[in-house]
Amino acid sequence: MANAQEIIEKDIPTTLQQNPQLAKDINSVIHFNITGDNGGTWTLDCTKPADWVTKGAEGTPKMTITVSNDDFVKIRSKQLNAQMAAMQGKLKFKPMDMGLAMKLAKLLG
């Protein structure tokens, strides 16, 4: 079973390479704050043409996403609906930018 690190470091860059328009649409710096086992912080920088993901918090994020490793994996594998997770407080966006969140949903879904 994948964990958040694998999804962020492998799956997301693969998706962006296959769909470069998605990175252009997001065009922001996003911090992922993954809690619990296999947790950590990653930066997704869609303002760059490549090398979008780095470990740690870099730059000034337009949004910070906080979610547990388990819930992140469940959202990715469609066992947990992202909107439900957000309403239940399992998935937090700071600040809440609905437009950006919808674009990220395309990347993560």
C-alpha atoms as a PDB file:
ATOM      1  CA  MET A   1       0.000   0.000   0.000  1.00  0.00           C
ATOM      2  CA  ALA A   2       1.287   3.439  -0.921  1.00  0.00           C
ATOM      3  CA  ASN A   3       1.943   6.093   1.659  1.00  0.00           C
ATOM      4  CA  ALA A   4       1.754   9.886   1.384  1.00  0.00           C
ATOM      5  CA  GLN A   5       5.478  10.183   0.632  1.00  0.00           C
ATOM      6  CA  GLU A   6       5.212   7.858  -2.389  1.00  0.00           C
ATOM      7  CA  ILE A   7       2.116   9.654  -3.662  1.00  0.00           C
ATOM      8  CA  ILE A   8       3.686  13.107  -3.299  1.00  0.00           C
ATOM      9  CA  GLU A   9       7.192  12.226  -4.518  1.00  0.00           C
ATOM     10  CA  LYS A  10       6.295   9.762  -7.315  1.00  0.00           C
ATOM     11  CA  ASP A  11       2.618   9.877  -8.330  1.00  0.00           C
ATOM     12  CA  ILE A  12       2.170  13.668  -8.386  1.00  0.00           C
ATOM     13  CA  PRO A  13       5.272  14.365 -10.549  1.00  0.00           C
ATOM     14  CA  THR A  14       4.223  11.555 -12.920  1.00  0.00           C
ATOM     15  CA  THR A  15       0.735  13.051 -13.242  1.00  0.00           C
ATOM     16  CA  LEU A  16       2.194  16.515 -13.912  1.00  0.00           C
ATOM     17  CA  GLN A  17       4.599  15.156 -16.532  1.00  0.00           C
ATOM     18  CA  GLN A  18       1.686  13.451 -18.284  1.00  0.00           C
ATOM     19  CA  ASN A  19      -0.487  16.572 -18.005  1.00  0.00           C
ATOM     20  CA  PRO A  20       1.724  19.722 -17.984  1.00  0.00           C
ATOM     21  CA  GLN A  21      -1.377  21.906 -18.359  1.00  0.00           C
ATOM     22  CA  LEU A  22      -2.392  20.894 -14.825  1.00  0.00           C
ATOM     23  CA  ALA A  23       0.780  22.472 -13.389  1.00  0.00           C
ATOM     24  CA  LYS A  24       0.071  25.637 -15.403  1.00  0.00           C
ATOM     25  CA  ASP A  25      -3.511  25.684 -14.072  1.00  0.00           C
ATOM     26  CA  ILE A  26      -2.396  25.297 -10.435  1.00  0.00           C
ATOM     27  CA  ASN A  27       0.528  27.746 -10.897  1.00  0.00           C
ATOM     28  CA  SER A  28       1.082  28.053  -7.126  1.00  0.00           C
ATOM     29  CA  VAL A  29       3.245  26.835  -4.277  1.00  0.00           C
ATOM     30  CA  ILE A  30       1.411  24.324  -2.075  1.00  0.00           C
ATOM     31  CA  HIS A  31       2.694  22.870   1.193  1.00  0.00           C
ATOM     32  CA  PHE A  32       1.594  19.379   2.202  1.00  0.00           C
ATOM     33  CA  ASN A  33       1.700  18.842   5.960  1.00  0.00           C
ATOM     34  CA  ILE A  34       1.191  15.089   6.436  1.00  0.00           C
ATOM     35  CA  THR A  35       0.563  13.996  10.025  1.00  0.00           C
ATOM     36  CA  GLY A  36       0.860  10.614  11.720  1.00  0.00           C
ATOM     37  CA  ASP A  37       3.000   7.668  10.646  1.00  0.00           C
ATOM     38  CA  ASN A  38       5.057   8.300   7.493  1.00  0.00           C
ATOM     39  CA  GLY A  39       4.256  11.987   7.922  1.00  0.00           C
ATOM     40  CA  GLY A  40       6.316  14.968   6.923  1.00  0.00           C
ATOM     41  CA  THR A  41       6.233  18.198   4.964  1.00  0.00           C
ATOM     42  CA  TRP A  42       6.561  18.565   1.201  1.00  0.00           C
ATOM     43  CA  THR A  43       6.424  21.500  -1.177  1.00  0.00           C
ATOM     44  CA  LEU A  44       4.624  21.303  -4.503  1.00  0.00           C
ATOM     45  CA  ASP A  45       5.784  24.205  -6.681  1.00  0.00           C
ATOM     46  CA  CYS A  46       3.706  24.381  -9.854  1.00  0.00           C
ATOM     47  CA  THR A  47       5.251  27.716 -10.846  1.00  0.00           C
ATOM     48  CA  LYS A  48       8.305  25.786 -12.135  1.00  0.00           C
ATOM     49  CA  PRO A  49       8.538  23.904 -15.452  1.00  0.00           C
ATOM     50  CA  ALA A  50       9.802  20.720 -13.709  1.00  0.00           C
ATOM     51  CA  ASP A  51      11.098  19.367 -10.363  1.00  0.00           C
ATOM     52  CA  TRP A  52       7.807  20.321  -8.759  1.00  0.00           C
ATOM     53  CA  VAL A  53       8.135  18.385  -5.507  1.00  0.00           C
ATOM     54  CA  THR A  54      10.717  18.918  -2.759  1.00  0.00           C
ATOM     55  CA  LYS A  55      10.863  17.566   0.786  1.00  0.00           C
ATOM     56  CA  GLY A  56      10.377  20.196   3.454  1.00  0.00           C
ATOM     57  CA  ALA A  57       8.574  23.544   3.357  1.00  0.00           C
ATOM     58  CA  GLU A  58      10.073  25.847   0.737  1.00  0.00           C
ATOM     59  CA  GLY A  59       8.886  29.237  -0.436  1.00  0.00           C
ATOM     60  CA  THR A  60       5.676  31.000   0.517  1.00  0.00           C
ATOM     61  CA  PRO A  61       2.704  28.730  -0.068  1.00  0.00           C
ATOM     62  CA  LYS A  62      -0.549  29.948  -1.557  1.00  0.00           C
ATOM     63  CA  MET A  63      -2.149  27.117   0.409  1.00  0.00           C
ATOM     64  CA  THR A  64      -1.141  24.596   3.070  1.00  0.00           C
ATOM     65  CA  ILE A  65      -2.900  21.238   3.106  1.00  0.00           C
ATOM     66  CA  THR A  66      -2.918  19.314   6.384  1.00  0.00           C
ATOM     67  CA  VAL A  67      -4.070  15.692   6.401  1.00  0.00           C
ATOM     68  CA  SER A  68      -3.007  12.422   8.009  1.00  0.00           C
ATOM     69  CA  ASN A  69      -1.047   9.897   5.986  1.00  0.00           C
ATOM     70  CA  ASP A  70      -3.900   7.371   6.275  1.00  0.00           C
ATOM     71  CA  ASP A  71      -6.583   9.801   5.098  1.00  0.00           C
ATOM     72  CA  PHE A  72      -4.382  11.095   2.264  1.00  0.00           C
ATOM     73  CA  VAL A  73      -3.894   7.527   1.006  1.00  0.00           C
ATOM     74  CA  LYS A  74      -7.658   6.856   1.310  1.00  0.00           C
ATOM     75  CA  ILE A  75      -8.474  10.028  -0.647  1.00  0.00           C
ATOM     76  CA  ARG A  76      -5.966   9.084  -3.325  1.00  0.00           C
ATOM     77  CA  SER A  77      -7.383   5.548  -3.623  1.00  0.00           C
ATOM     78  CA  LYS A  78     -10.958   6.928  -3.640  1.00  0.00           C
ATOM     79  CA  GLN A  79     -11.889   5.192  -0.374  1.00  0.00           C
ATOM     80  CA  LEU A  80     -12.534   8.614   1.153  1.00  0.00           C
ATOM     81  CA  ASN A  81     -14.218  11.518  -0.625  1.00  0.00           C
ATOM     82  CA  ALA A  82     -12.072  14.668  -0.387  1.00  0.00           C
ATOM     83  CA  GLN A  83     -15.091  16.938   0.169  1.00  0.00           C
ATOM     84  CA  MET A  84     -16.363  14.678   2.964  1.00  0.00           C
ATOM     85  CA  ALA A  85     -12.877  14.582   4.490  1.00  0.00           C
ATOM     86  CA  ALA A  86     -12.758  18.394   4.423  1.00  0.00           C
ATOM     87  CA  MET A  87     -16.215  18.698   6.014  1.00  0.00           C
ATOM     88  CA  GLN A  88     -15.202  16.207   8.724  1.00  0.00           C
ATOM     89  CA  GLY A  89     -12.043  18.241   9.428  1.00  0.00           C
ATOM     90  CA  LYS A  90      -9.744  15.405   8.287  1.00  0.00           C
ATOM     91  CA  LEU A  91      -8.510  17.462   5.338  1.00  0.00           C
ATOM     92  CA  LYS A  92      -7.637  21.095   6.045  1.00  0.00           C
ATOM     93  CA  PHE A  93      -6.839  23.871   3.580  1.00  0.00           C
ATOM     94  CA  LYS A  94      -5.272  27.080   4.847  1.00  0.00           C
ATOM     95  CA  PRO A  95      -6.314  29.525   3.558  1.00  0.00           C
ATOM     96  CA  MET A  96      -9.368  27.963   1.904  1.00  0.00           C
ATOM     97  CA  ASP A  97      -9.199  28.771  -1.801  1.00  0.00           C
ATOM     98  CA  MET A  98     -12.004  26.836  -3.486  1.00  0.00           C
ATOM     99  CA  GLY A  99     -10.685  27.388  -7.021  1.00  0.00           C
ATOM    100  CA  LEU A 100      -7.227  26.145  -6.097  1.00  0.00           C
ATOM    101  CA  ALA A 101      -8.655  23.238  -4.097  1.00  0.00           C
ATOM    102  CA  MET A 102     -10.674  22.107  -7.147  1.00  0.00           C
ATOM    103  CA  LYS A 103      -7.540  22.189  -9.336  1.00  0.00           C
ATOM    104  CA  LEU A 104      -5.663  20.155  -6.727  1.00  0.00           C
ATOM    105  CA  ALA A 105      -8.530  17.655  -6.667  1.00  0.00           C
ATOM    106  CA  LYS A 106      -7.857  16.982 -10.366  1.00  0.00           C
ATOM    107  CA  LEU A 107      -4.199  16.338  -9.550  1.00  0.00           C
ATOM    108  CA  LEU A 108      -4.883  14.062  -6.568  1.00  0.00           C
ATOM    109  CA  GLY A 109      -7.952  12.277  -7.923  1.00  0.00           C
END
